[in-house]
Amino acid sequence: MLEVGRLLVDEEHGFAARAGREIALTSTELRLLAYLMRHRGQALSKDHLLTQVWGYDAYDHNLVEVHISSLRRKLEADAPRLIHTVRGIGYRFSA
């Protein structure tokens, strides 16, 4: 179980909620979000995320971008941004 601010992720049960409101995530989105939360504050490259979340050594970076975009839509619709773009590097999770 991971909790950062008002965001809660239960990987074992496939559950995520922000401010008490359940968020429907795919299994990949849940794994990506949990990974970002466990490494909050760190700038993580797309290559690093592909290796750690998907298990790929090389793949299209667009895969990461699409999933980050989807997470942002679901998590940040009515709340402050949690996933920040770090220009030239990748992404950083901070609450």
PDB file of N, CA and C in Angstrom:
ATOM      1  N   MET A   1       0.853  -1.177   0.000  1.00  0.00           N
ATOM      2  CA  MET A   1       0.000   0.000   0.000  1.00  0.00           C
ATOM      3  C   MET A   1       0.898   1.239   0.000  1.00  0.00           C
ATOM      4  N   LEU A   2       0.646   2.121  -0.948  1.00  0.00           N
ATOM      5  CA  LEU A   2       1.405   3.371  -1.045  1.00  0.00           C
ATOM      6  C   LEU A   2       0.462   4.539  -0.805  1.00  0.00           C
ATOM      7  N   GLU A   3       0.940   5.519  -0.061  1.00  0.00           N
ATOM      8  CA  GLU A   3       0.133   6.706   0.188  1.00  0.00           C
ATOM      9  C   GLU A   3       1.029   7.937   0.156  1.00  0.00           C
ATOM     10  N   VAL A   4       0.670   8.870  -0.712  1.00  0.00           N
ATOM     11  CA  VAL A   4       1.382  10.138  -0.814  1.00  0.00           C
ATOM     12  C   VAL A   4       0.318  11.225  -0.823  1.00  0.00           C
ATOM     13  N   GLY A   5       0.332  12.056   0.207  1.00  0.00           N
ATOM     14  CA  GLY A   5      -0.706  13.074   0.308  1.00  0.00           C
ATOM     15  C   GLY A   5      -2.072  12.417   0.355  1.00  0.00           C
ATOM     16  N   ARG A   6      -2.949  12.805  -0.557  1.00  0.00           N
ATOM     17  CA  ARG A   6      -4.305  12.248  -0.600  1.00  0.00           C
ATOM     18  C   ARG A   6      -4.463  11.179  -1.679  1.00  0.00           C
ATOM     19  N   LEU A   7      -3.327  10.696  -2.192  1.00  0.00           N
ATOM     20  CA  LEU A   7      -3.332   9.644  -3.206  1.00  0.00           C
ATOM     21  C   LEU A   7      -2.961   8.320  -2.553  1.00  0.00           C
ATOM     22  N   LEU A   8      -3.780   7.321  -2.793  1.00  0.00           N
ATOM     23  CA  LEU A   8      -3.596   5.989  -2.221  1.00  0.00           C
ATOM     24  C   LEU A   8      -3.570   4.969  -3.346  1.00  0.00           C
ATOM     25  N   VAL A   9      -2.584   4.075  -3.323  1.00  0.00           N
ATOM     26  CA  VAL A   9      -2.488   3.001  -4.306  1.00  0.00           C
ATOM     27  C   VAL A   9      -2.276   1.689  -3.568  1.00  0.00           C
ATOM     28  N   ASP A  10      -3.139   0.735  -3.854  1.00  0.00           N
ATOM     29  CA  ASP A  10      -3.033  -0.612  -3.303  1.00  0.00           C
ATOM     30  C   ASP A  10      -2.764  -1.545  -4.474  1.00  0.00           C
ATOM     31  N   GLU A  11      -1.489  -1.871  -4.692  1.00  0.00           N
ATOM     32  CA  GLU A  11      -1.105  -2.701  -5.833  1.00  0.00           C
ATOM     33  C   GLU A  11      -1.676  -4.113  -5.725  1.00  0.00           C
ATOM     34  N   GLU A  12      -1.706  -4.642  -4.536  1.00  0.00           N
ATOM     35  CA  GLU A  12      -2.176  -6.016  -4.341  1.00  0.00           C
ATOM     36  C   GLU A  12      -3.624  -6.196  -4.778  1.00  0.00           C
ATOM     37  N   HIS A  13      -4.453  -5.193  -4.508  1.00  0.00           N
ATOM     38  CA  HIS A  13      -5.872  -5.278  -4.842  1.00  0.00           C
ATOM     39  C   HIS A  13      -6.248  -4.479  -6.090  1.00  0.00           C
ATOM     40  N   GLY A  14      -5.250  -3.855  -6.744  1.00  0.00           N
ATOM     41  CA  GLY A  14      -5.509  -3.111  -7.975  1.00  0.00           C
ATOM     42  C   GLY A  14      -6.407  -1.909  -7.766  1.00  0.00           C
ATOM     43  N   PHE A  15      -6.143  -1.151  -6.700  1.00  0.00           N
ATOM     44  CA  PHE A  15      -7.016  -0.048  -6.302  1.00  0.00           C
ATOM     45  C   PHE A  15      -6.219   1.243  -6.204  1.00  0.00           C
ATOM     46  N   ALA A  16      -6.817   2.337  -6.686  1.00  0.00           N
ATOM     47  CA  ALA A  16      -6.222   3.661  -6.534  1.00  0.00           C
ATOM     48  C   ALA A  16      -7.336   4.654  -6.208  1.00  0.00           C
ATOM     49  N   ALA A  17      -7.020   5.621  -5.348  1.00  0.00           N
ATOM     50  CA  ALA A  17      -7.991   6.662  -4.988  1.00  0.00           C
ATOM     51  C   ALA A  17      -7.243   7.954  -4.699  1.00  0.00           C
ATOM     52  N   ARG A  18      -7.882   9.052  -5.030  1.00  0.00           N
ATOM     53  CA  ARG A  18      -7.341  10.367  -4.704  1.00  0.00           C
ATOM     54  C   ARG A  18      -8.434  11.156  -4.012  1.00  0.00           C
ATOM     55  N   ALA A  19      -8.122  11.643  -2.834  1.00  0.00           N
ATOM     56  CA  ALA A  19      -9.073  12.419  -2.028  1.00  0.00           C
ATOM     57  C   ALA A  19     -10.364  11.631  -1.802  1.00  0.00           C
ATOM     58  N   GLY A  20     -10.204  10.317  -1.577  1.00  0.00           N
ATOM     59  CA  GLY A  20     -11.357   9.483  -1.281  1.00  0.00           C
ATOM     60  C   GLY A  20     -12.163   9.036  -2.490  1.00  0.00           C
ATOM     61  N   ARG A  21     -11.771   9.473  -3.679  1.00  0.00           N
ATOM     62  CA  ARG A  21     -12.490   9.116  -4.910  1.00  0.00           C
ATOM     63  C   ARG A  21     -11.702   8.045  -5.661  1.00  0.00           C
ATOM     64  N   GLU A  22     -12.350   6.890  -5.895  1.00  0.00           N
ATOM     65  CA  GLU A  22     -11.680   5.804  -6.603  1.00  0.00           C
ATOM     66  C   GLU A  22     -11.381   6.198  -8.041  1.00  0.00           C
ATOM     67  N   ILE A  23     -10.217   5.772  -8.519  1.00  0.00           N
ATOM     68  CA  ILE A  23      -9.781   6.071  -9.876  1.00  0.00           C
ATOM     69  C   ILE A  23      -9.597   4.743 -10.606  1.00  0.00           C
ATOM     70  N   ALA A  24     -10.271   4.591 -11.724  1.00  0.00           N
ATOM     71  CA  ALA A  24     -10.167   3.371 -12.513  1.00  0.00           C
ATOM     72  C   ALA A  24      -8.888   3.416 -13.351  1.00  0.00           C
ATOM     73  N   LEU A  25      -7.952   2.513 -13.055  1.00  0.00           N
ATOM     74  CA  LEU A  25      -6.688   2.441 -13.780  1.00  0.00           C
ATOM     75  C   LEU A  25      -6.507   1.056 -14.376  1.00  0.00           C
ATOM     76  N   THR A  26      -5.820   1.014 -15.518  1.00  0.00           N
ATOM     77  CA  THR A  26      -5.437  -0.276 -16.085  1.00  0.00           C
ATOM     78  C   THR A  26      -4.306  -0.842 -15.224  1.00  0.00           C
ATOM     79  N   SER A  27      -3.996  -2.105 -15.402  1.00  0.00           N
ATOM     80  CA  SER A  27      -2.921  -2.716 -14.612  1.00  0.00           C
ATOM     81  C   SER A  27      -1.578  -2.041 -14.907  1.00  0.00           C
ATOM     82  N   THR A  28      -1.347  -1.657 -16.145  1.00  0.00           N
ATOM     83  CA  THR A  28      -0.098  -0.972 -16.500  1.00  0.00           C
ATOM     84  C   THR A  28      -0.042   0.413 -15.878  1.00  0.00           C
ATOM     85  N   GLU A  29      -1.140   1.146 -15.931  1.00  0.00           N
ATOM     86  CA  GLU A  29      -1.183   2.472 -15.302  1.00  0.00           C
ATOM     87  C   GLU A  29      -0.932   2.358 -13.804  1.00  0.00           C
ATOM     88  N   LEU A  30      -1.497   1.344 -13.172  1.00  0.00           N
ATOM     89  CA  LEU A  30      -1.308   1.133 -11.740  1.00  0.00           C
ATOM     90  C   LEU A  30       0.163   0.843 -11.425  1.00  0.00           C
ATOM     91  N   ARG A  31       0.792  -0.019 -12.215  1.00  0.00           N
ATOM     92  CA  ARG A  31       2.222  -0.323 -12.007  1.00  0.00           C
ATOM     93  C   ARG A  31       3.085   0.922 -12.209  1.00  0.00           C
ATOM     94  N   LEU A  32       2.789   1.693 -13.253  1.00  0.00           N
ATOM     95  CA  LEU A  32       3.545   2.910 -13.530  1.00  0.00           C
ATOM     96  C   LEU A  32       3.380   3.917 -12.409  1.00  0.00           C
ATOM     97  N   LEU A  33       2.151   4.140 -11.970  1.00  0.00           N
ATOM     98  CA  LEU A  33       1.904   5.085 -10.887  1.00  0.00           C
ATOM     99  C   LEU A  33       2.610   4.647  -9.603  1.00  0.00           C
ATOM    100  N   ALA A  34       2.515   3.380  -9.267  1.00  0.00           N
ATOM    101  CA  ALA A  34       3.171   2.870  -8.056  1.00  0.00           C
ATOM    102  C   ALA A  34       4.685   3.067  -8.146  1.00  0.00           C
ATOM    103  N   TYR A  35       5.253   2.809  -9.318  1.00  0.00           N
ATOM    104  CA  TYR A  35       6.695   2.990  -9.491  1.00  0.00           C
ATOM    105  C   TYR A  35       7.073   4.459  -9.303  1.00  0.00           C
ATOM    106  N   LEU A  36       6.313   5.355  -9.913  1.00  0.00           N
ATOM    107  CA  LEU A  36       6.578   6.784  -9.764  1.00  0.00           C
ATOM    108  C   LEU A  36       6.460   7.211  -8.300  1.00  0.00           C
ATOM    109  N   MET A  37       5.454   6.693  -7.612  1.00  0.00           N
ATOM    110  CA  MET A  37       5.254   7.048  -6.201  1.00  0.00           C
ATOM    111  C   MET A  37       6.412   6.550  -5.332  1.00  0.00           C
ATOM    112  N   ARG A  38       6.877   5.331  -5.585  1.00  0.00           N
ATOM    113  CA  ARG A  38       7.992   4.779  -4.803  1.00  0.00           C
ATOM    114  C   ARG A  38       9.284   5.570  -5.033  1.00  0.00           C
ATOM    115  N   HIS A  39       9.374   6.247  -6.159  1.00  0.00           N
ATOM    116  CA  HIS A  39      10.578   7.011  -6.498  1.00  0.00           C
ATOM    117  C   HIS A  39      10.272   8.507  -6.576  1.00  0.00           C
ATOM    118  N   ARG A  40       9.330   8.958  -5.769  1.00  0.00           N
ATOM    119  CA  ARG A  40       8.915  10.371  -5.832  1.00  0.00           C
ATOM    120  C   ARG A  40      10.099  11.297  -5.595  1.00  0.00           C
ATOM    121  N   GLY A  41      10.039  12.396  -6.331  1.00  0.00           N
ATOM    122  CA  GLY A  41      11.101  13.390  -6.247  1.00  0.00           C
ATOM    123  C   GLY A  41      12.258  13.127  -7.194  1.00  0.00           C
ATOM    124  N   GLN A  42      12.348  11.909  -7.740  1.00  0.00           N
ATOM    125  CA  GLN A  42      13.437  11.567  -8.651  1.00  0.00           C
ATOM    126  C   GLN A  42      13.002  11.788 -10.103  1.00  0.00           C
ATOM    127  N   ALA A  43      13.888  12.330 -10.902  1.00  0.00           N
ATOM    128  CA  ALA A  43      13.626  12.460 -12.335  1.00  0.00           C
ATOM    129  C   ALA A  43      13.950  11.115 -12.979  1.00  0.00           C
ATOM    130  N   LEU A  44      12.946  10.498 -13.588  1.00  0.00           N
ATOM    131  CA  LEU A  44      13.097   9.168 -14.187  1.00  0.00           C
ATOM    132  C   LEU A  44      12.974   9.268 -15.699  1.00  0.00           C
ATOM    133  N   SER A  45      13.953   8.719 -16.397  1.00  0.00           N
ATOM    134  CA  SER A  45      13.936   8.776 -17.867  1.00  0.00           C
ATOM    135  C   SER A  45      12.911   7.798 -18.427  1.00  0.00           C
ATOM    136  N   LYS A  46      12.532   8.020 -19.666  1.00  0.00           N
ATOM    137  CA  LYS A  46      11.605   7.118 -20.345  1.00  0.00           C
ATOM    138  C   LYS A  46      12.227   5.736 -20.491  1.00  0.00           C
ATOM    139  N   ASP A  47      13.531   5.669 -20.795  1.00  0.00           N
ATOM    140  CA  ASP A  47      14.217   4.378 -20.898  1.00  0.00           C
ATOM    141  C   ASP A  47      14.165   3.631 -19.570  1.00  0.00           C
ATOM    142  N   HIS A  48      14.400   4.343 -18.496  1.00  0.00           N
ATOM    143  CA  HIS A  48      14.359   3.730 -17.165  1.00  0.00           C
ATOM    144  C   HIS A  48      12.959   3.187 -16.870  1.00  0.00           C
ATOM    145  N   LEU A  49      11.938   3.962 -17.170  1.00  0.00           N
ATOM    146  CA  LEU A  49      10.563   3.515 -16.920  1.00  0.00           C
ATOM    147  C   LEU A  49      10.207   2.314 -17.791  1.00  0.00           C
ATOM    148  N   LEU A  50      10.641   2.318 -19.053  1.00  0.00           N
ATOM    149  CA  LEU A  50      10.386   1.178 -19.932  1.00  0.00           C
ATOM    150  C   LEU A  50      11.001  -0.099 -19.365  1.00  0.00           C
ATOM    151  N   THR A  51      12.212   0.008 -18.844  1.00  0.00           N
ATOM    152  CA  THR A  51      12.896  -1.150 -18.280  1.00  0.00           C
ATOM    153  C   THR A  51      12.235  -1.617 -16.993  1.00  0.00           C
ATOM    154  N   GLN A  52      11.928  -0.692 -16.107  1.00  0.00           N
ATOM    155  CA  GLN A  52      11.436  -1.054 -14.778  1.00  0.00           C
ATOM    156  C   GLN A  52       9.955  -1.412 -14.745  1.00  0.00           C
ATOM    157  N   VAL A  53       9.136  -0.739 -15.524  1.00  0.00           N
ATOM    158  CA  VAL A  53       7.683  -0.967 -15.477  1.00  0.00           C
ATOM    159  C   VAL A  53       7.248  -2.008 -16.508  1.00  0.00           C
ATOM    160  N   TRP A  54       7.801  -1.913 -17.711  1.00  0.00           N
ATOM    161  CA  TRP A  54       7.394  -2.826 -18.784  1.00  0.00           C
ATOM    162  C   TRP A  54       8.342  -4.007 -18.952  1.00  0.00           C
ATOM    163  N   GLY A  55       9.588  -3.858 -18.478  1.00  0.00           N
ATOM    164  CA  GLY A  55      10.568  -4.922 -18.645  1.00  0.00           C
ATOM    165  C   GLY A  55      11.235  -4.927 -20.009  1.00  0.00           C
ATOM    166  N   TYR A  56      11.159  -3.809 -20.736  1.00  0.00           N
ATOM    167  CA  TYR A  56      11.760  -3.701 -22.066  1.00  0.00           C
ATOM    168  C   TYR A  56      13.132  -3.044 -21.974  1.00  0.00           C
ATOM    169  N   ASP A  57      14.083  -3.560 -22.762  1.00  0.00           N
ATOM    170  CA  ASP A  57      15.391  -2.912 -22.839  1.00  0.00           C
ATOM    171  C   ASP A  57      15.368  -1.770 -23.842  1.00  0.00           C
ATOM    172  N   ALA A  58      14.576  -1.917 -24.877  1.00  0.00           N
ATOM    173  CA  ALA A  58      14.448  -0.863 -25.889  1.00  0.00           C
ATOM    174  C   ALA A  58      13.030  -0.955 -26.453  1.00  0.00           C
ATOM    175  N   TYR A  59      12.426   0.177 -26.630  1.00  0.00           N
ATOM    176  CA  TYR A  59      11.082   0.218 -27.177  1.00  0.00           C
ATOM    177  C   TYR A  59      10.774   1.662 -27.539  1.00  0.00           C
ATOM    178  N   ASP A  60       9.598   1.903 -28.021  1.00  0.00           N
ATOM    179  CA  ASP A  60       9.176   3.237 -28.412  1.00  0.00           C
ATOM    180  C   ASP A  60       8.841   4.078 -27.177  1.00  0.00           C
ATOM    181  N   HIS A  61       9.477   5.219 -27.040  1.00  0.00           N
ATOM    182  CA  HIS A  61       9.212   6.108 -25.903  1.00  0.00           C
ATOM    183  C   HIS A  61       7.762   6.581 -25.870  1.00  0.00           C
ATOM    184  N   ASN A  62       7.107   6.521 -27.026  1.00  0.00           N
ATOM    185  CA  ASN A  62       5.714   6.936 -27.096  1.00  0.00           C
ATOM    186  C   ASN A  62       4.843   6.116 -26.145  1.00  0.00           C
ATOM    187  N   LEU A  63       5.224   4.878 -25.885  1.00  0.00           N
ATOM    188  CA  LEU A  63       4.489   4.025 -24.957  1.00  0.00           C
ATOM    189  C   LEU A  63       4.414   4.682 -23.572  1.00  0.00           C
ATOM    190  N   VAL A  64       5.528   5.200 -23.098  1.00  0.00           N
ATOM    191  CA  VAL A  64       5.566   5.877 -21.799  1.00  0.00           C
ATOM    192  C   VAL A  64       4.730   7.153 -21.864  1.00  0.00           C
ATOM    193  N   GLU A  65       4.889   7.930 -22.912  1.00  0.00           N
ATOM    194  CA  GLU A  65       4.172   9.194 -23.048  1.00  0.00           C
ATOM    195  C   GLU A  65       2.660   8.991 -23.033  1.00  0.00           C
ATOM    196  N   VAL A  66       2.185   7.964 -23.724  1.00  0.00           N
ATOM    197  CA  VAL A  66       0.752   7.680 -23.778  1.00  0.00           C
ATOM    198  C   VAL A  66       0.224   7.319 -22.395  1.00  0.00           C
ATOM    199  N   HIS A  67       0.952   6.492 -21.661  1.00  0.00           N
ATOM    200  CA  HIS A  67       0.494   6.086 -20.330  1.00  0.00           C
ATOM    201  C   HIS A  67       0.576   7.241 -19.316  1.00  0.00           C
ATOM    202  N   ILE A  68       1.601   8.071 -19.423  1.00  0.00           N
ATOM    203  CA  ILE A  68       1.702   9.251 -18.548  1.00  0.00           C
ATOM    204  C   ILE A  68       0.530  10.186 -18.829  1.00  0.00           C
ATOM    205  N   SER A  69       0.233  10.406 -20.090  1.00  0.00           N
ATOM    206  CA  SER A  69      -0.885  11.268 -20.470  1.00  0.00           C
ATOM    207  C   SER A  69      -2.200  10.740 -19.902  1.00  0.00           C
ATOM    208  N   SER A  70      -2.406   9.446 -20.011  1.00  0.00           N
ATOM    209  CA  SER A  70      -3.625   8.837 -19.485  1.00  0.00           C
ATOM    210  C   SER A  70      -3.702   8.975 -17.967  1.00  0.00           C
ATOM    211  N   LEU A  71      -2.583   8.743 -17.279  1.00  0.00           N
ATOM    212  CA  LEU A  71      -2.560   8.918 -15.820  1.00  0.00           C
ATOM    213  C   LEU A  71      -2.887  10.354 -15.437  1.00  0.00           C
ATOM    214  N   ARG A  72      -2.306  11.295 -16.142  1.00  0.00           N
ATOM    215  CA  ARG A  72      -2.579  12.710 -15.840  1.00  0.00           C
ATOM    216  C   ARG A  72      -4.065  13.026 -15.995  1.00  0.00           C
ATOM    217  N   ARG A  73      -4.686  12.550 -17.062  1.00  0.00           N
ATOM    218  CA  ARG A  73      -6.121  12.802 -17.257  1.00  0.00           C
ATOM    219  C   ARG A  73      -6.939  12.235 -16.101  1.00  0.00           C
ATOM    220  N   LYS A  74      -6.592  11.050 -15.667  1.00  0.00           N
ATOM    221  CA  LYS A  74      -7.371  10.390 -14.621  1.00  0.00           C
ATOM    222  C   LYS A  74      -7.085  10.936 -13.227  1.00  0.00           C
ATOM    223  N   LEU A  75      -5.852  11.293 -12.955  1.00  0.00           N
ATOM    224  CA  LEU A  75      -5.461  11.740 -11.615  1.00  0.00           C
ATOM    225  C   LEU A  75      -5.632  13.234 -11.388  1.00  0.00           C
ATOM    226  N   GLU A  76      -5.450  14.012 -12.428  1.00  0.00           N
ATOM    227  CA  GLU A  76      -5.316  15.454 -12.251  1.00  0.00           C
ATOM    228  C   GLU A  76      -6.468  16.260 -12.832  1.00  0.00           C
ATOM    229  N   ALA A  77      -7.586  15.611 -13.102  1.00  0.00           N
ATOM    230  CA  ALA A  77      -8.725  16.298 -13.709  1.00  0.00           C
ATOM    231  C   ALA A  77      -9.179  17.494 -12.874  1.00  0.00           C
ATOM    232  N   ASP A  78      -9.348  17.296 -11.587  1.00  0.00           N
ATOM    233  CA  ASP A  78      -9.847  18.360 -10.703  1.00  0.00           C
ATOM    234  C   ASP A  78      -8.906  18.618  -9.537  1.00  0.00           C
ATOM    235  N   ALA A  79      -7.638  18.305  -9.717  1.00  0.00           N
ATOM    236  CA  ALA A  79      -6.690  18.424  -8.603  1.00  0.00           C
ATOM    237  C   ALA A  79      -5.333  18.888  -9.139  1.00  0.00           C
ATOM    238  N   PRO A  80      -4.454  19.327  -8.244  1.00  0.00           N
ATOM    239  CA  PRO A  80      -3.125  19.774  -8.678  1.00  0.00           C
ATOM    240  C   PRO A  80      -2.324  18.664  -9.356  1.00  0.00           C
ATOM    241  N   ARG A  81      -1.410  19.063 -10.205  1.00  0.00           N
ATOM    242  CA  ARG A  81      -0.557  18.138 -10.954  1.00  0.00           C
ATOM    243  C   ARG A  81       0.348  17.354 -10.008  1.00  0.00           C
ATOM    244  N   LEU A  82       0.489  16.058 -10.298  1.00  0.00           N
ATOM    245  CA  LEU A  82       1.356  15.167  -9.539  1.00  0.00           C
ATOM    246  C   LEU A  82       2.546  14.686 -10.359  1.00  0.00           C
ATOM    247  N   ILE A  83       2.350  14.521 -11.660  1.00  0.00           N
ATOM    248  CA  ILE A  83       3.397  14.008 -12.541  1.00  0.00           C
ATOM    249  C   ILE A  83       3.909  15.165 -13.386  1.00  0.00           C
ATOM    250  N   HIS A  84       5.170  15.493 -13.181  1.00  0.00           N
ATOM    251  CA  HIS A  84       5.768  16.649 -13.848  1.00  0.00           C
ATOM    252  C   HIS A  84       6.763  16.200 -14.909  1.00  0.00           C
ATOM    253  N   THR A  85       6.772  16.897 -16.028  1.00  0.00           N
ATOM    254  CA  THR A  85       7.749  16.633 -17.078  1.00  0.00           C
ATOM    255  C   THR A  85       9.052  17.321 -16.699  1.00  0.00           C
ATOM    256  N   VAL A  86      10.148  16.591 -16.781  1.00  0.00           N
ATOM    257  CA  VAL A  86      11.478  17.146 -16.564  1.00  0.00           C
ATOM    258  C   VAL A  86      12.132  17.206 -17.937  1.00  0.00           C
ATOM    259  N   ARG A  87      12.192  18.384 -18.474  1.00  0.00           N
ATOM    260  CA  ARG A  87      12.656  18.585 -19.849  1.00  0.00           C
ATOM    261  C   ARG A  87      14.018  17.934 -20.082  1.00  0.00           C
ATOM    262  N   GLY A  88      14.100  17.136 -21.139  1.00  0.00           N
ATOM    263  CA  GLY A  88      15.342  16.482 -21.515  1.00  0.00           C
ATOM    264  C   GLY A  88      15.660  15.222 -20.714  1.00  0.00           C
ATOM    265  N   ILE A  89      14.824  14.918 -19.707  1.00  0.00           N
ATOM    266  CA  ILE A  89      15.100  13.744 -18.882  1.00  0.00           C
ATOM    267  C   ILE A  89      13.925  12.770 -18.920  1.00  0.00           C
ATOM    268  N   GLY A  90      12.776  13.188 -18.429  1.00  0.00           N
ATOM    269  CA  GLY A  90      11.619  12.293 -18.362  1.00  0.00           C
ATOM    270  C   GLY A  90      10.540  12.863 -17.473  1.00  0.00           C
ATOM    271  N   TYR A  91      10.254  12.167 -16.367  1.00  0.00           N
ATOM    272  CA  TYR A  91       9.150  12.550 -15.492  1.00  0.00           C
ATOM    273  C   TYR A  91       9.535  12.455 -14.027  1.00  0.00           C
ATOM    274  N   ARG A  92       8.843  13.279 -13.211  1.00  0.00           N
ATOM    275  CA  ARG A  92       9.046  13.266 -11.762  1.00  0.00           C
ATOM    276  C   ARG A  92       7.678  13.300 -11.104  1.00  0.00           C
ATOM    277  N   PHE A  93       7.485  12.444 -10.095  1.00  0.00           N
ATOM    278  CA  PHE A  93       6.273  12.455  -9.310  1.00  0.00           C
ATOM    279  C   PHE A  93       6.531  13.275  -8.060  1.00  0.00           C
ATOM    280  N   SER A  94       5.674  14.239  -7.800  1.00  0.00           N
ATOM    281  CA  SER A  94       5.776  15.000  -6.546  1.00  0.00           C
ATOM    282  C   SER A  94       4.402  15.503  -6.168  1.00  0.00           C
ATOM    283  N   ALA A  95       4.106  15.365  -4.889  1.00  0.00           N
ATOM    284  CA  ALA A  95       2.787  15.777  -4.373  1.00  0.00           C
ATOM    285  C   ALA A  95       2.937  17.012  -3.535  1.00  0.00           C
TER     286      ALA A  95
END
